Protein backbone atom coordinates (compact mmCIF):
# COMPACT_ATOMS: atom_id res chain seq x y z
CA MET A 1 1.69 120.76 100.85
CA LEU A 2 3.73 118.18 98.97
CA LEU A 3 6.84 118.97 100.98
CA GLY A 4 4.89 118.89 104.26
CA CYS A 5 3.43 115.44 103.54
CA ILE A 6 6.85 114.09 102.60
CA LEU A 7 8.57 115.53 105.69
CA VAL A 8 5.88 114.26 108.09
CA GLY A 9 5.86 110.83 106.45
CA CYS A 10 9.65 110.54 106.60
CA SER A 11 9.85 111.61 110.24
CA THR A 12 7.05 109.46 111.64
CA SER A 13 7.48 106.01 113.13
CA SER A 14 3.78 105.12 112.94
CA TRP A 15 2.74 102.80 110.14
CA MET A 16 -0.82 104.16 110.01
CA LEU A 17 0.34 107.78 109.89
CA GLY A 18 2.78 106.93 107.12
CA VAL A 19 0.05 105.34 104.99
CA PHE A 20 -2.19 108.34 105.72
CA MET A 21 0.55 110.70 104.49
CA MET A 22 0.82 108.64 101.29
CA GLU A 23 -2.91 109.08 100.68
CA LEU A 24 -2.76 112.79 101.51
CA LEU A 25 0.11 113.16 99.04
CA LEU A 26 -2.01 111.40 96.40
CA PHE A 27 -4.96 113.75 97.00
CA THR A 28 -2.61 116.73 96.77
CA ILE A 29 -1.41 115.61 93.34
CA ILE A 30 -4.99 114.96 92.17
CA PHE A 31 -6.10 118.41 93.34
CA TYR A 32 -3.12 119.88 91.53
CA SER A 33 -4.25 118.18 88.32
CA ILE A 34 -7.63 119.95 88.54
CA THR A 35 -5.95 123.26 87.68
CA SER A 36 -5.06 121.86 84.24
CA TRP A 37 -8.05 119.53 83.99
CA GLU A 38 -8.81 117.97 80.62
CA LEU A 39 -11.26 115.26 79.64
CA SER A 40 -8.41 112.96 78.62
CA GLN A 41 -6.87 113.26 82.11
CA SER A 42 -10.01 112.31 84.02
CA SER A 43 -9.77 108.59 83.29
CA ALA A 44 -6.05 108.59 84.11
CA CYS A 45 -6.69 110.34 87.44
CA ILE A 46 -9.42 107.82 88.33
CA GLN A 47 -7.17 104.92 87.38
CA MET A 48 -4.27 106.26 89.43
CA PHE A 49 -6.59 106.93 92.38
CA PHE A 50 -7.90 103.35 92.44
CA ILE A 51 -4.42 101.85 92.02
CA GLN A 52 -2.87 103.97 94.78
CA SER A 53 -5.84 103.43 97.10
CA LEU A 54 -5.69 99.65 96.61
CA SER A 55 -1.96 99.63 97.33
CA SER A 56 -2.51 101.73 100.46
CA ILE A 57 -5.16 99.26 101.65
CA LEU A 58 -2.70 96.39 101.16
CA LEU A 59 -0.01 98.27 103.08
CA LEU A 60 -2.39 99.23 105.89
CA VAL A 61 -3.85 95.74 106.33
CA GLY A 62 -0.46 94.03 106.06
CA GLY A 63 1.17 96.47 108.49
CA LEU A 64 -1.62 96.15 111.07
CA MET A 65 -1.56 92.36 110.84
CA HIS A 66 2.20 92.12 111.26
CA ILE A 67 3.01 94.99 113.65
CA HIS A 68 -0.07 95.27 115.88
CA LEU A 69 -1.70 91.81 115.70
CA SER A 70 1.57 89.79 115.55
CA ILE A 71 0.20 87.42 112.92
CA PRO A 72 2.77 84.97 111.42
CA SER A 73 5.00 86.53 108.84
CA PHE A 74 3.89 85.13 105.47
CA PRO A 75 0.42 86.70 104.86
CA PRO A 76 1.14 90.24 106.14
CA LEU A 77 4.61 90.50 104.62
CA ALA A 78 3.27 89.29 101.28
CA LEU A 79 0.54 91.95 101.42
CA MET A 80 3.08 94.63 102.31
CA LEU A 81 5.44 93.58 99.52
CA PHE A 82 2.70 93.57 96.87
CA GLY A 83 1.43 96.89 98.20
CA PHE A 84 4.87 98.43 97.73
CA LEU A 85 5.23 96.92 94.25
CA LEU A 86 1.81 98.22 93.17
CA LYS A 87 2.32 101.70 94.61
CA LEU A 88 5.78 102.08 93.07
CA GLY A 89 4.80 100.61 89.71
CA VAL A 90 7.33 97.78 89.81
CA PHE A 91 7.15 94.72 87.55
CA PRO A 92 4.81 92.79 87.35
CA LEU A 93 2.46 95.50 88.72
CA HIS A 94 3.69 98.27 86.42
CA PHE A 95 0.69 98.11 84.07
CA TRP A 96 -0.72 101.48 85.21
CA VAL A 97 2.38 103.67 84.84
CA VAL A 98 2.61 104.12 81.06
CA PRO A 99 -1.17 104.57 80.42
CA VAL A 100 -1.33 107.22 83.15
CA CYS A 101 1.79 109.06 82.00
CA LYS A 102 0.60 108.98 78.39
CA THR A 103 -2.34 111.30 79.10
CA PHE A 104 -0.83 113.49 81.85
CA SER A 105 1.03 116.74 81.31
CA TYR A 106 4.78 116.92 81.84
CA SER A 107 4.45 118.51 85.27
CA LEU A 108 2.09 115.78 86.47
CA VAL A 109 4.36 113.09 85.05
CA GLY A 110 7.20 114.59 87.07
CA LEU A 111 5.06 114.59 90.22
CA ILE A 112 3.93 110.96 90.00
CA SER A 113 7.40 109.81 88.96
CA LYS A 114 9.34 111.36 91.85
CA PRO A 115 7.48 112.90 94.85
CA LEU A 116 4.77 110.22 94.90
CA LYS A 117 7.43 107.52 95.34
CA VAL A 118 9.43 109.14 98.13
CA LEU A 119 7.38 107.84 101.07
CA PRO A 120 7.00 104.24 99.76
CA LEU A 121 10.75 104.06 99.18
CA VAL A 122 11.52 105.46 102.63
CA PHE A 123 9.18 102.99 104.33
CA LEU A 124 10.50 100.14 102.22
CA SER A 125 14.03 101.03 103.29
CA GLN A 126 13.04 101.32 106.97
CA TYR A 127 11.04 98.09 107.11
CA PHE A 128 13.33 96.01 104.93
CA THR A 129 14.56 94.20 108.06
CA LYS A 130 11.02 92.83 108.40
CA PHE A 131 11.40 91.15 105.03
CA LEU A 132 14.83 89.88 105.98
CA SER A 133 13.42 88.34 109.16
CA GLY A 134 10.63 86.75 107.11
CA GLY A 135 13.08 84.64 105.13
CA SER A 136 15.54 84.86 102.26
CA HIS A 137 12.78 84.38 99.66
CA TYR A 138 11.43 87.86 100.42
CA ILE A 139 14.76 89.58 99.79
CA MET A 140 15.34 87.50 96.65
CA GLY A 141 11.84 88.35 95.44
CA ALA A 142 12.46 92.08 95.89
CA LEU A 143 15.80 91.85 94.08
CA LEU A 144 14.23 89.86 91.25
CA PHE A 145 11.32 92.29 90.86
CA GLY A 146 13.72 95.25 90.82
CA THR A 147 15.97 93.69 88.19
CA VAL A 148 13.11 92.66 85.90
CA SER A 149 11.47 96.06 86.38
CA ALA A 150 14.58 97.81 85.08
CA LEU A 151 14.62 95.55 82.03
CA ALA A 152 10.85 95.93 81.50
CA GLY A 153 11.12 99.72 81.56
CA MET A 154 13.93 99.53 79.03
CA THR A 155 11.78 97.35 76.74
CA LEU A 156 8.82 99.73 77.00
CA GLY A 157 11.08 102.68 76.28
CA PHE A 158 12.35 101.20 73.03
CA GLY A 159 8.83 101.33 71.57
CA ALA A 160 7.93 104.77 72.97
CA ARG A 161 6.72 107.38 70.48
CA THR A 162 5.92 110.26 72.82
CA LEU A 163 7.96 111.96 75.51
CA GLN A 164 5.38 111.15 78.20
CA VAL A 165 5.79 107.43 77.47
CA VAL A 166 9.56 107.86 77.62
CA LEU A 167 9.27 109.43 81.08
CA GLY A 168 6.88 106.67 82.19
CA ALA A 169 9.35 104.01 81.06
CA SER A 170 12.07 105.96 82.86
CA SER A 171 10.01 105.84 86.05
CA ILE A 172 9.68 102.04 85.82
CA THR A 173 13.37 101.57 85.06
CA HIS A 174 14.74 103.77 87.82
CA THR A 175 12.28 102.42 90.37
CA GLY A 176 13.87 99.05 89.67
CA TRP A 177 17.28 100.63 90.22
CA LEU A 178 16.01 102.02 93.53
CA LEU A 179 14.36 98.80 94.69
CA VAL A 180 17.45 96.57 94.52
CA PRO A 181 19.64 98.61 96.93
CA ALA A 182 16.64 99.43 99.13
CA TYR A 183 18.27 98.01 102.23
CA THR A 184 21.57 99.89 101.85
CA MET A 185 21.70 102.93 99.56
CA VAL A 186 18.19 103.81 98.42
CA MET A 187 18.43 107.40 99.63
CA THR A 188 21.93 107.80 98.15
CA TYR A 189 20.72 106.93 94.67
CA PHE A 190 17.50 108.90 95.14
CA ILE A 191 19.45 112.07 95.95
CA PHE A 192 21.20 111.80 92.59
CA MET A 193 17.93 111.06 90.80
CA VAL A 194 15.98 113.93 92.36
CA LEU A 195 18.26 116.43 90.59
CA LEU A 196 16.57 115.37 87.33
CA VAL A 197 13.06 116.32 88.51
CA TYR A 198 13.28 119.79 87.00
CA LYS A 199 14.23 118.52 83.56
CA SER A 200 11.70 115.68 83.55
CA SER A 201 8.85 118.05 84.45
CA SER A 202 9.80 121.07 82.33
CA ILE A 203 10.96 119.80 78.95
CA ASN A 204 8.37 120.42 76.27
CA GLY A 205 9.89 118.33 73.52
CA MET A 206 13.13 117.15 72.04
CA SER A 207 14.02 120.73 71.07
CA SER A 208 14.52 121.75 74.70
CA PRO A 209 18.14 122.81 75.38
CA LEU A 210 18.36 120.64 78.50
CA SER A 211 16.66 117.56 77.04
CA CYS A 212 19.91 116.12 75.64
CA VAL A 213 21.63 116.66 79.00
CA GLY A 214 18.77 114.89 80.77
CA LEU A 215 18.91 111.91 78.40
CA LEU A 216 22.67 111.54 78.78
CA ALA A 217 22.37 111.87 82.56
CA LEU A 218 19.62 109.24 82.69
CA GLY A 219 21.94 106.95 80.75
CA GLY A 220 24.39 107.13 83.64
CA LEU A 221 27.27 108.56 81.62
CA PRO A 222 30.17 110.36 83.27
CA PRO A 223 30.60 113.13 84.32
CA PHE A 224 26.88 113.44 85.18
CA ASN A 225 25.86 112.94 88.80
CA VAL A 226 23.61 109.93 88.11
CA PHE A 227 26.73 108.09 86.95
CA VAL A 228 28.05 108.14 90.52
CA GLY A 229 24.78 106.80 91.92
CA LYS A 230 24.60 104.05 89.30
CA LEU A 231 28.26 103.22 89.87
CA LEU A 232 27.57 102.59 93.57
CA VAL A 233 24.49 100.52 92.75
CA VAL A 234 26.30 98.53 90.04
CA CYS A 235 29.02 97.62 92.55
CA SER A 236 26.36 96.16 94.84
CA TYR A 237 24.80 94.38 91.83
CA MET A 238 28.09 92.75 90.95
CA MET A 239 28.42 91.50 94.51
CA SER A 240 24.90 90.03 94.20
CA ASN A 241 25.47 88.64 90.66
CA LEU A 242 22.82 90.97 89.19
CA THR A 243 24.77 92.14 86.14
CA ALA A 244 21.60 92.21 84.00
CA MET A 245 21.01 95.76 85.24
CA PHE A 246 23.68 97.00 82.85
CA PHE A 247 21.34 96.45 79.91
CA SER A 248 18.83 99.02 81.16
CA CYS A 249 21.43 101.74 80.53
CA LEU A 250 21.33 100.87 76.81
CA TYR A 251 17.83 102.30 76.56
CA TRP A 252 18.92 105.82 77.45
CA LEU A 253 22.05 105.53 75.32
CA ARG A 254 19.83 104.64 72.36
CA ARG A 255 17.59 107.65 73.05
CA SER A 256 20.62 109.92 73.20
CA TRP A 257 21.96 108.45 69.95
CA VAL A 258 18.65 109.06 68.17
CA TYR A 259 18.56 112.59 69.54
CA PHE A 260 21.99 113.55 68.25
CA THR A 261 21.82 111.73 64.90
CA THR A 262 18.53 113.39 63.93
CA MET A 263 19.82 116.90 64.65
CA LYS A 264 21.22 119.11 61.91
CA PHE A 265 24.50 120.98 62.21
CA GLY A 266 22.74 124.29 62.77
CA LEU A 267 20.85 122.78 65.69
CA TYR A 268 24.15 121.81 67.32
CA ILE A 269 25.33 125.42 67.15
CA ASN A 270 21.99 126.63 68.51
CA LEU A 271 22.06 124.00 71.27
CA PHE A 272 25.50 124.88 72.59
CA SER A 273 24.90 128.61 72.29
CA THR A 274 21.66 128.18 74.21
CA LEU A 275 23.35 126.14 76.92
CA VAL A 276 26.09 128.73 77.31
CA TRP A 277 24.30 132.07 76.90
CA ARG A 278 20.53 131.70 77.16
CA LEU A 279 19.90 129.66 80.28
CA THR A 280 17.91 131.15 83.11
CA ALA A 281 19.25 131.22 86.65
CA VAL A 282 17.28 128.10 87.63
CA GLU A 283 18.38 126.21 84.52
CA SER A 284 22.00 127.20 85.11
CA ALA A 285 21.79 125.99 88.71
CA MET A 286 20.27 122.67 87.62
CA LEU A 287 22.91 122.23 84.93
CA ALA A 288 25.68 122.94 87.45
CA ALA A 289 24.12 120.50 89.93
CA ASN A 290 23.89 117.88 87.20
CA PHE A 291 27.64 118.13 86.65
CA CYS A 292 28.49 117.91 90.34
CA GLY A 293 29.05 114.20 89.82
CA LEU A 294 32.28 115.15 88.07
CA VAL A 295 33.78 115.96 91.48
CA PHE A 296 32.88 112.52 92.85
CA PHE A 297 34.04 110.85 89.64
CA LEU A 298 37.44 112.59 89.75
CA ARG A 299 37.80 111.78 93.45
CA PHE A 300 37.01 108.11 92.77
CA PHE A 301 39.38 108.05 89.77
CA MET A 302 42.23 109.71 91.67
CA ALA A 303 41.77 107.35 94.62
CA GLU A 304 41.95 104.31 92.34
CA MET A 305 44.97 105.70 90.51
CA GLY A 306 46.69 106.48 93.80
CA SER A 307 46.10 102.99 95.20
CA SER A 308 47.32 101.41 91.96
CA PHE A 309 50.45 103.59 92.04
CA LEU A 310 51.20 102.62 95.65
CA ILE A 311 50.81 98.94 94.82
CA TYR A 312 53.16 99.36 91.85
CA VAL A 313 55.77 101.20 93.97
CA ARG A 314 55.69 98.57 96.72
CA LYS A 315 56.36 95.85 94.16
């Protein structure tokens, strides 16, 4: 059901059908939460339902006003932009992400952090030309919100005490990373990020054998695949003078440092033996996919070394 909603929403050109698929995807996730229903999750589900419904109303009204009624650009585009920010949990409308993730299970946190954001990101990428035609202040506003969202998620992550809060802060941070290149490479970076869905929804604590790999990958360290995606995004940031995004990587580096410094020597032996000998077929496939960025990294490194060598020879 989740995959069907995402495929239909990505393939449609109708604004109303796209918003309807977003709501259907929300109901699918809420119905999925009923299978593991707890009293502490009821308030979080209600809060997420109202937030997502309000954002869908803003998107529907703004889209109808701009596309079908041809109303001047400022009111509908402002409604659409705030609808996207609220639905994605981007600063300054990120207030609902951490409280919801704090009470949800790990599987639900993985669902609202990744699949729930696919359709809004796709529509934001498709209709970004509308914001460009509305004036440069719209594109600068989106870039500013994305940059501050990455820094806000980093700040929230520093004070996190539970793994659910860490994943919620990760969602805010990487949504900011996705929002800035929305008009060029949003799907490129999202493909690298979607490989971390399994780890973010299946780790049960810091003792998980793949948790350290996930933290290092989220930090954007080579040779992990997210490094390649962040390298492409950082290049576009440097062209746009948005170098503040580098600081959001420090959050995940700090988490990785805490993870490794609090482990004992015996846990290191157990960790590496588990990674080598005790992984299931799915975990082995995810670990191999996570290291596929090494191929892109080596290709990029060899290309740079080759160009530098040719320049040196010509001199």
